[in-house]
Protein backbone atom coordinates (compact mmCIF):
# COMPACT_ATOMS: atom_id res chain seq x y z
CA MET A 1 -83.64 -39.78 -5.80
CA GLY A 2 -85.64 -36.61 -5.45
CA ALA A 3 -84.75 -33.05 -6.71
CA LEU A 4 -85.99 -30.00 -5.11
CA PHE A 5 -86.03 -26.67 -7.06
CA LEU A 6 -86.91 -23.44 -5.34
CA ALA A 7 -87.48 -20.12 -6.98
CA THR A 8 -87.34 -16.75 -5.53
CA ALA A 9 -89.85 -13.84 -5.97
CA SER A 10 -87.30 -11.15 -6.79
CA ALA A 11 -84.05 -13.14 -8.29
CA SER A 12 -82.02 -10.53 -10.18
CA LEU A 13 -79.79 -13.52 -11.75
CA VAL A 14 -80.75 -17.04 -12.95
CA LEU A 15 -77.20 -19.15 -12.62
CA ALA A 16 -78.81 -22.11 -14.41
CA GLN A 17 -82.05 -23.14 -16.78
CA THR A 18 -83.43 -25.70 -14.18
CA ALA A 19 -85.69 -23.09 -12.52
CA THR A 20 -87.15 -21.23 -15.74
CA GLY A 21 -89.56 -23.01 -17.99
CA VAL A 22 -90.79 -23.11 -21.52
CA ILE A 23 -93.81 -22.19 -23.46
CA ARG A 24 -94.00 -23.99 -26.91
CA GLY A 25 -96.77 -25.29 -29.31
CA ARG A 26 -97.89 -25.65 -33.05
CA VAL A 27 -100.02 -23.44 -35.41
CA GLN A 28 -102.70 -24.79 -37.87
CA ASP A 29 -105.50 -23.78 -39.72
CA ALA A 30 -109.12 -25.00 -39.55
CA THR A 31 -108.47 -28.06 -41.89
CA GLY A 32 -105.38 -29.04 -39.44
CA ALA A 33 -102.76 -27.99 -41.81
CA VAL A 34 -99.69 -26.32 -40.09
CA LEU A 35 -99.05 -22.83 -40.73
CA THR A 36 -95.62 -21.49 -41.15
CA ASP A 37 -94.12 -17.97 -40.81
CA VAL A 38 -96.85 -17.11 -38.19
CA HIS A 39 -95.60 -13.87 -36.02
CA VAL A 40 -95.79 -15.25 -32.37
CA THR A 41 -95.41 -12.73 -29.38
CA LEU A 42 -95.06 -13.67 -26.00
CA VAL A 43 -95.90 -10.91 -23.35
CA ASP A 44 -95.10 -10.76 -19.64
CA GLU A 45 -96.87 -7.83 -18.94
CA ARG A 46 -96.12 -8.08 -15.06
CA ARG A 47 -92.22 -7.54 -15.80
CA ASN A 48 -93.18 -5.21 -18.98
CA GLN A 49 -91.21 -7.56 -21.30
CA SER A 50 -92.07 -9.38 -24.68
CA TRP A 51 -90.42 -11.76 -27.07
CA ASP A 52 -91.09 -12.62 -30.89
CA GLN A 53 -90.37 -15.42 -33.21
CA GLN A 54 -91.95 -16.88 -36.45
CA THR A 55 -93.32 -20.59 -36.55
CA ASN A 56 -91.13 -22.96 -38.43
CA GLY A 57 -91.46 -24.97 -41.43
CA GLU A 58 -93.63 -27.46 -39.29
CA GLY A 59 -95.78 -24.81 -37.62
CA PHE A 60 -93.84 -25.07 -34.33
CA PHE A 61 -92.68 -22.39 -31.91
CA GLU A 62 -90.69 -22.19 -28.82
CA PHE A 63 -89.51 -19.68 -26.11
CA ARG A 64 -87.34 -21.22 -23.60
CA ALA A 65 -85.70 -20.12 -20.30
CA VAL A 66 -89.13 -18.33 -19.33
CA SER A 67 -89.33 -17.17 -15.68
CA PHE A 68 -92.76 -18.74 -14.20
CA GLY A 69 -95.28 -16.15 -14.20
CA ASP A 70 -98.72 -15.41 -16.22
CA TYR A 71 -98.16 -14.52 -19.76
CA ARG A 72 -99.91 -13.61 -22.95
CA LEU A 73 -99.60 -15.25 -26.42
CA GLU A 74 -100.19 -13.34 -29.32
CA LEU A 75 -100.33 -14.83 -33.19
CA GLU A 76 -100.52 -13.20 -36.19
CA ARG A 77 -100.57 -14.07 -40.44
CA PRO A 78 -101.80 -12.25 -43.14
CA GLY A 79 -105.16 -14.02 -44.33
CA PHE A 80 -106.16 -14.95 -40.87
CA ARG A 81 -107.59 -13.36 -37.71
CA LYS A 82 -104.89 -12.24 -34.98
CA GLU A 83 -105.56 -14.29 -31.95
CA ALA A 84 -104.72 -13.38 -28.33
CA ILE A 85 -104.41 -15.86 -25.59
CA ARG A 86 -104.61 -14.67 -21.98
CA ASP A 87 -103.83 -16.04 -18.71
CA VAL A 88 -101.07 -18.85 -19.93
CA GLY A 89 -99.81 -19.78 -16.61
CA LEU A 90 -96.21 -21.03 -16.35
CA GLU A 91 -95.04 -22.65 -13.09
CA VAL A 92 -91.51 -23.02 -12.00
CA ALA A 93 -89.53 -25.69 -14.31
CA GLN A 94 -92.58 -26.32 -16.27
CA THR A 95 -92.72 -26.96 -20.17
CA LYS A 96 -96.16 -25.35 -21.29
CA THR A 97 -97.61 -26.76 -24.68
CA LEU A 98 -100.05 -24.67 -26.54
CA ASN A 99 -101.78 -25.76 -29.71
CA VAL A 100 -103.39 -22.91 -31.63
CA THR A 101 -105.90 -23.02 -34.45
CA LEU A 102 -106.06 -19.62 -36.76
CA GLN A 103 -109.27 -19.00 -38.38
CA VAL A 104 -109.25 -17.24 -41.88
CA GLY A 105 -110.10 -13.45 -41.93
CA SER A 106 -108.39 -10.17 -41.43
CA LEU A 107 -105.83 -9.11 -38.92
CA ALA A 108 -108.03 -6.33 -38.28
CA GLU A 109 -110.34 -8.87 -36.76
CA SER A 110 -109.18 -10.67 -33.17
CA ILE A 111 -109.89 -13.34 -31.23
CA GLY A 112 -109.25 -13.53 -27.57
CA VAL A 113 -109.31 -16.56 -25.60
CA GLN A 114 -108.60 -17.80 -22.08
CA ALA A 115 -105.66 -20.26 -22.06
CA ASP A 116 -106.82 -23.79 -20.48
CA ARG A 117 -105.00 -24.47 -17.52
CA GLY A 118 -105.35 -28.35 -17.85
CA LEU A 119 -104.93 -31.22 -15.59
CA LEU A 120 -102.44 -33.14 -17.65
CA GLU A 121 -98.75 -32.59 -18.23
CA ALA A 122 -98.22 -33.53 -21.93
CA ALA A 123 -95.07 -32.50 -22.56
CA ASP A 124 -92.88 -34.77 -20.51
CA ALA A 125 -93.22 -37.99 -18.33
CA SER A 126 -91.86 -36.52 -15.00
CA LEU A 127 -93.75 -36.91 -11.67
CA SER A 128 -93.60 -33.65 -9.72
CA GLN A 129 -95.68 -31.24 -7.65
CA VAL A 130 -95.63 -27.41 -7.49
CA ILE A 131 -96.13 -25.87 -3.60
CA ASP A 132 -97.42 -22.37 -4.49
CA ASP A 133 -97.44 -19.20 -2.98
CA GLN A 134 -100.80 -20.02 -1.03
CA ALA A 135 -99.35 -22.88 0.65
CA LEU A 136 -96.34 -20.95 1.59
CA LEU A 137 -98.05 -18.11 2.98
CA ALA A 138 -101.10 -20.30 4.63
CA LEU A 139 -99.35 -23.33 6.02
CA PRO A 140 -97.74 -23.23 9.45
CA THR A 141 -94.04 -24.11 9.81
CA ASN A 142 -91.79 -24.47 12.88
CA GLY A 143 -89.47 -21.97 12.76
CA ARG A 144 -90.62 -20.59 9.36
CA ASN A 145 -88.61 -23.68 7.77
CA VAL A 146 -89.77 -24.11 4.35
CA MET A 147 -88.26 -27.28 4.09
CA GLN A 148 -91.15 -28.81 6.00
CA LEU A 149 -93.37 -28.13 3.08
CA VAL A 150 -91.71 -30.68 0.90
CA SER A 151 -93.72 -33.09 2.43
CA LEU A 152 -96.90 -32.26 1.02
CA SER A 153 -95.72 -33.86 -2.49
CA ALA A 154 -96.77 -37.49 -2.95
CA GLY A 155 -93.95 -39.91 -2.40
CA VAL A 156 -92.35 -37.91 0.04
CA ILE A 157 -92.13 -38.47 3.67
CA ASN A 158 -90.25 -36.78 6.51
CA ALA A 159 -87.39 -38.88 7.97
CA GLY A 160 -87.17 -40.50 11.49
CA ARG A 161 -85.93 -38.82 14.18
CA ALA A 162 -82.40 -40.19 14.23
CA SER A 163 -81.53 -39.37 10.64
CA ALA A 164 -78.00 -38.35 10.25
CA THR A 165 -79.20 -35.07 8.58
CA GLN A 166 -81.22 -34.02 11.66
CA ARG A 167 -78.19 -34.72 13.83
CA GLN A 168 -75.90 -32.54 11.66
CA ALA A 169 -77.79 -29.76 10.57
CA ASN A 170 -80.04 -29.56 13.73
CA TYR A 171 -82.79 -28.37 11.20
CA GLY A 172 -85.61 -30.67 11.96
CA PRO A 173 -86.40 -33.94 10.28
CA ALA A 174 -84.92 -34.41 6.60
CA PHE A 175 -87.56 -35.88 3.87
CA SER A 176 -87.34 -39.08 2.07
CA VAL A 177 -88.41 -39.29 -1.42
CA GLY A 178 -89.99 -42.67 -2.95
CA GLY A 179 -88.41 -44.78 -0.28
CA GLN A 180 -84.87 -43.42 -1.07
CA ARG A 181 -82.59 -42.50 2.15
CA ASP A 182 -82.63 -38.95 3.27
CA ASN A 183 -79.07 -38.18 1.64
CA THR A 184 -80.13 -38.96 -2.09
CA SER A 185 -82.18 -35.64 -2.89
CA VAL A 186 -80.46 -32.63 -4.60
CA VAL A 187 -81.88 -28.88 -3.89
CA LEU A 188 -81.49 -26.22 -5.91
CA ILE A 189 -82.43 -22.42 -6.08
CA ASP A 190 -83.01 -20.67 -9.04
CA GLY A 191 -80.83 -23.45 -10.69
CA MET A 192 -77.92 -23.20 -8.73
CA GLU A 193 -77.71 -26.39 -5.95
CA ILE A 194 -77.56 -25.73 -2.69
CA SER A 195 -77.05 -28.98 -0.99
CA GLY A 196 -74.46 -29.73 1.08
CA GLN A 197 -72.70 -33.28 1.41
CA GLU A 198 -71.69 -32.67 4.77
CA LEU A 199 -74.78 -32.12 5.89
CA ASN A 200 -76.20 -35.41 3.83
CA ASN A 201 -77.46 -33.07 1.06
CA TYR A 202 -79.84 -31.09 3.37
CA PRO A 203 -79.46 -27.23 2.13
CA LEU A 204 -76.22 -25.42 3.54
CA ALA A 205 -78.70 -22.62 4.27
CA ILE A 206 -82.54 -22.60 4.49
CA PRO A 207 -84.08 -20.13 2.04
CA PRO A 208 -86.17 -17.50 3.87
CA LEU A 209 -89.78 -18.08 3.77
CA ASP A 210 -90.42 -14.59 2.50
CA SER A 211 -87.88 -14.94 -0.46
CA LEU A 212 -89.88 -17.64 -2.13
CA ALA A 213 -92.72 -17.60 -4.53
CA GLU A 214 -93.11 -21.12 -5.20
CA PHE A 215 -91.16 -24.33 -5.50
CA ARG A 216 -91.49 -27.63 -7.36
CA VAL A 217 -90.75 -31.16 -5.96
CA HIS A 218 -89.46 -33.67 -8.80
CA THR A 219 -89.89 -37.51 -7.58
CA ALA A 220 -89.39 -39.46 -10.76
CA ASN A 221 -88.54 -39.71 -14.40
CA TYR A 222 -86.88 -36.07 -14.38
CA PRO A 223 -84.29 -35.08 -17.05
CA ALA A 224 -80.72 -36.23 -16.59
CA GLU A 225 -79.71 -32.38 -16.00
CA PHE A 226 -81.39 -32.62 -12.28
CA GLY A 227 -79.08 -35.66 -11.35
CA GLY A 228 -75.82 -35.36 -9.14
CA ASN A 229 -76.23 -38.80 -7.19
CA SER A 230 -75.66 -42.25 -7.86
CA GLU A 231 -78.93 -43.42 -6.49
CA ARG A 232 -81.60 -42.80 -8.65
């Protein structure tokens, strides 16, 4: 079964947590010993918001239900230099893990580093792909139907011309994920399901292309909270 998550660019209400992400990590010193009670601040400069917490007894911090975007992470603890990690990019429905090493020094001293975007997702075993705003703006679609871009993901193909979804919805070919039928996918926008059983789980309404910032296509091993169909 496939799961598709759409995120709007200007949503005022998130009805579930499936469209948001997590930024977490562990803080240690140069010897590898974990550091507790480190003051960690997550800053979203574009939205003018910030969140604060302390690392726990195992040196961990975790910010949940975070909207996708670019962030700055600041870490402070007496006896160590203040560290700021810039350009921490979080995609829709992503878990971002940052392990930080603080250097001995004064809080008056600070270290600024650039976040490593990385190519490997180590936080979970799910298979997915994000279709970002560059693809949304640059690639042509017939009738500005954003659902046509789902097939950019690995393992996703357009369903046949005779599919029940096309006959009922008249939106053009549906999509098939991992060899499954085209009625075994779930579509959510900002965490709320918009699939319609009478349309073989095709969206009841296609979101306007201009209202979307990016979306993620999950194809395998995603958490059970994204289920909803008998076929997996």
